[in-house]
């Protein structure tokens, strides 16, 4: 169970809904991270494009996808996220 409950699209105010629409266009979905960051719409509005560039191939990043995957795996190991 999350410590900070995500804001679902149905429960979001108009500022957050507009960011969710942008997230949907950029990534094809509204992630749980986006829903959690929605508690601070200003931060979310400015952080979302940065996250998309880091995470998506062809988004303008120069980091190779295999290094992104290694960072994800290492972070999961550090946080004991074994599935």
C-alpha atoms as a PDB file:
ATOM      1  CA  UNK A   1       0.000   0.000   0.000  1.00  0.00           C
ATOM      2  CA  UNK A   2       1.453   3.410  -0.930  1.00  0.00           C
ATOM      3  CA  UNK A   3       2.266   5.938   1.785  1.00  0.00           C
ATOM      4  CA  UNK A   4       1.070   8.760  -0.426  1.00  0.00           C
ATOM      5  CA  UNK A   5      -2.122   7.864  -2.195  1.00  0.00           C
ATOM      6  CA  UNK A   6      -2.169   8.700  -5.893  1.00  0.00           C
ATOM      7  CA  UNK A   7      -4.766  11.128  -7.200  1.00  0.00           C
ATOM      8  CA  UNK A   8      -6.944   9.278  -9.681  1.00  0.00           C
ATOM      9  CA  UNK A   9      -8.147  11.139 -12.795  1.00  0.00           C
ATOM     10  CA  UNK A  10     -11.752  11.180 -11.555  1.00  0.00           C
ATOM     11  CA  UNK A  11     -10.668  12.842  -8.303  1.00  0.00           C
ATOM     12  CA  UNK A  12      -8.311  15.407  -9.848  1.00  0.00           C
ATOM     13  CA  UNK A  13      -8.994  19.128 -10.024  1.00  0.00           C
ATOM     14  CA  UNK A  14      -8.846  21.004 -13.336  1.00  0.00           C
ATOM     15  CA  UNK A  15      -5.115  21.855 -13.048  1.00  0.00           C
ATOM     16  CA  UNK A  16      -4.182  18.246 -12.474  1.00  0.00           C
ATOM     17  CA  UNK A  17      -6.544  16.965 -15.172  1.00  0.00           C
ATOM     18  CA  UNK A  18      -4.805  19.157 -17.748  1.00  0.00           C
ATOM     19  CA  UNK A  19      -1.441  17.684 -16.741  1.00  0.00           C
ATOM     20  CA  UNK A  20      -2.908  14.178 -16.922  1.00  0.00           C
ATOM     21  CA  UNK A  21      -4.073  14.911 -20.464  1.00  0.00           C
ATOM     22  CA  UNK A  22      -0.540  15.998 -21.350  1.00  0.00           C
ATOM     23  CA  UNK A  23       0.901  12.873 -19.754  1.00  0.00           C
ATOM     24  CA  UNK A  24      -1.538  10.751 -21.738  1.00  0.00           C
ATOM     25  CA  UNK A  25      -0.370  12.411 -24.963  1.00  0.00           C
ATOM     26  CA  UNK A  26       3.333  12.133 -24.107  1.00  0.00           C
ATOM     27  CA  UNK A  27       3.439   8.594 -22.752  1.00  0.00           C
ATOM     28  CA  UNK A  28       0.150   6.954 -23.684  1.00  0.00           C
ATOM     29  CA  UNK A  29      -0.896   6.554 -20.043  1.00  0.00           C
ATOM     30  CA  UNK A  30      -0.939   8.246 -16.662  1.00  0.00           C
ATOM     31  CA  UNK A  31       1.596   6.470 -14.455  1.00  0.00           C
ATOM     32  CA  UNK A  32       1.327   5.929 -10.731  1.00  0.00           C
ATOM     33  CA  UNK A  33       4.307   8.263 -10.300  1.00  0.00           C
ATOM     34  CA  UNK A  34       2.400  10.985 -12.152  1.00  0.00           C
ATOM     35  CA  UNK A  35      -0.680  10.387 -10.010  1.00  0.00           C
ATOM     36  CA  UNK A  36       1.410  10.625  -6.845  1.00  0.00           C
ATOM     37  CA  UNK A  37       3.253  13.761  -7.938  1.00  0.00           C
ATOM     38  CA  UNK A  38      -0.141  15.329  -8.665  1.00  0.00           C
ATOM     39  CA  UNK A  39      -0.289  16.353  -5.018  1.00  0.00           C
ATOM     40  CA  UNK A  40       2.002  19.163  -6.185  1.00  0.00           C
ATOM     41  CA  UNK A  41       0.697  20.183  -9.643  1.00  0.00           C
ATOM     42  CA  UNK A  42       3.411  22.822 -10.155  1.00  0.00           C
ATOM     43  CA  UNK A  43       6.187  20.276  -9.605  1.00  0.00           C
ATOM     44  CA  UNK A  44       4.415  17.704 -11.752  1.00  0.00           C
ATOM     45  CA  UNK A  45       3.901  20.132 -14.640  1.00  0.00           C
ATOM     46  CA  UNK A  46       7.629  20.876 -14.795  1.00  0.00           C
ATOM     47  CA  UNK A  47       8.976  17.435 -13.911  1.00  0.00           C
ATOM     48  CA  UNK A  48       6.875  15.375 -16.325  1.00  0.00           C
ATOM     49  CA  UNK A  49       8.645  16.481 -19.545  1.00  0.00           C
ATOM     50  CA  UNK A  50      12.006  15.842 -17.874  1.00  0.00           C
ATOM     51  CA  UNK A  51      10.970  12.318 -16.876  1.00  0.00           C
ATOM     52  CA  UNK A  52       9.668  11.577 -20.366  1.00  0.00           C
ATOM     53  CA  UNK A  53      12.996  12.591 -21.910  1.00  0.00           C
ATOM     54  CA  UNK A  54      14.869  10.356 -19.487  1.00  0.00           C
ATOM     55  CA  UNK A  55      12.609   7.329 -19.855  1.00  0.00           C
ATOM     56  CA  UNK A  56      11.532   7.236 -23.484  1.00  0.00           C
ATOM     57  CA  UNK A  57      13.681   6.269 -26.433  1.00  0.00           C
ATOM     58  CA  UNK A  58      13.871   9.055 -28.990  1.00  0.00           C
ATOM     59  CA  UNK A  59      12.681  11.626 -26.462  1.00  0.00           C
ATOM     60  CA  UNK A  60      15.890  13.610 -26.777  1.00  0.00           C
ATOM     61  CA  UNK A  61      17.995  11.626 -24.354  1.00  0.00           C
ATOM     62  CA  UNK A  62      21.545  10.606 -25.179  1.00  0.00           C
ATOM     63  CA  UNK A  63      21.543   7.780 -22.651  1.00  0.00           C
ATOM     64  CA  UNK A  64      21.469   4.340 -24.225  1.00  0.00           C
ATOM     65  CA  UNK A  65      18.442   2.178 -23.336  1.00  0.00           C
ATOM     66  CA  UNK A  66      20.566  -0.603 -21.857  1.00  0.00           C
ATOM     67  CA  UNK A  67      22.020   1.839 -19.311  1.00  0.00           C
ATOM     68  CA  UNK A  68      18.525   2.984 -18.411  1.00  0.00           C
ATOM     69  CA  UNK A  69      17.538  -0.635 -17.821  1.00  0.00           C
ATOM     70  CA  UNK A  70      20.626  -1.210 -15.674  1.00  0.00           C
ATOM     71  CA  UNK A  71      19.740   1.848 -13.570  1.00  0.00           C
ATOM     72  CA  UNK A  72      16.188   0.528 -13.144  1.00  0.00           C
ATOM     73  CA  UNK A  73      17.448  -2.911 -12.107  1.00  0.00           C
ATOM     74  CA  UNK A  74      19.996  -1.486  -9.662  1.00  0.00           C
ATOM     75  CA  UNK A  75      17.390   0.805  -8.100  1.00  0.00           C
ATOM     76  CA  UNK A  76      15.032  -2.156  -7.709  1.00  0.00           C
ATOM     77  CA  UNK A  77      17.781  -4.190  -6.048  1.00  0.00           C
ATOM     78  CA  UNK A  78      18.677  -1.378  -3.639  1.00  0.00           C
ATOM     79  CA  UNK A  79      15.014  -1.007  -2.665  1.00  0.00           C
ATOM     80  CA  UNK A  80      14.421  -4.780  -2.325  1.00  0.00           C
ATOM     81  CA  UNK A  81      11.820  -4.773  -5.115  1.00  0.00           C
ATOM     82  CA  UNK A  82      12.075  -8.437  -5.959  1.00  0.00           C
ATOM     83  CA  UNK A  83       9.163  -9.942  -7.794  1.00  0.00           C
END
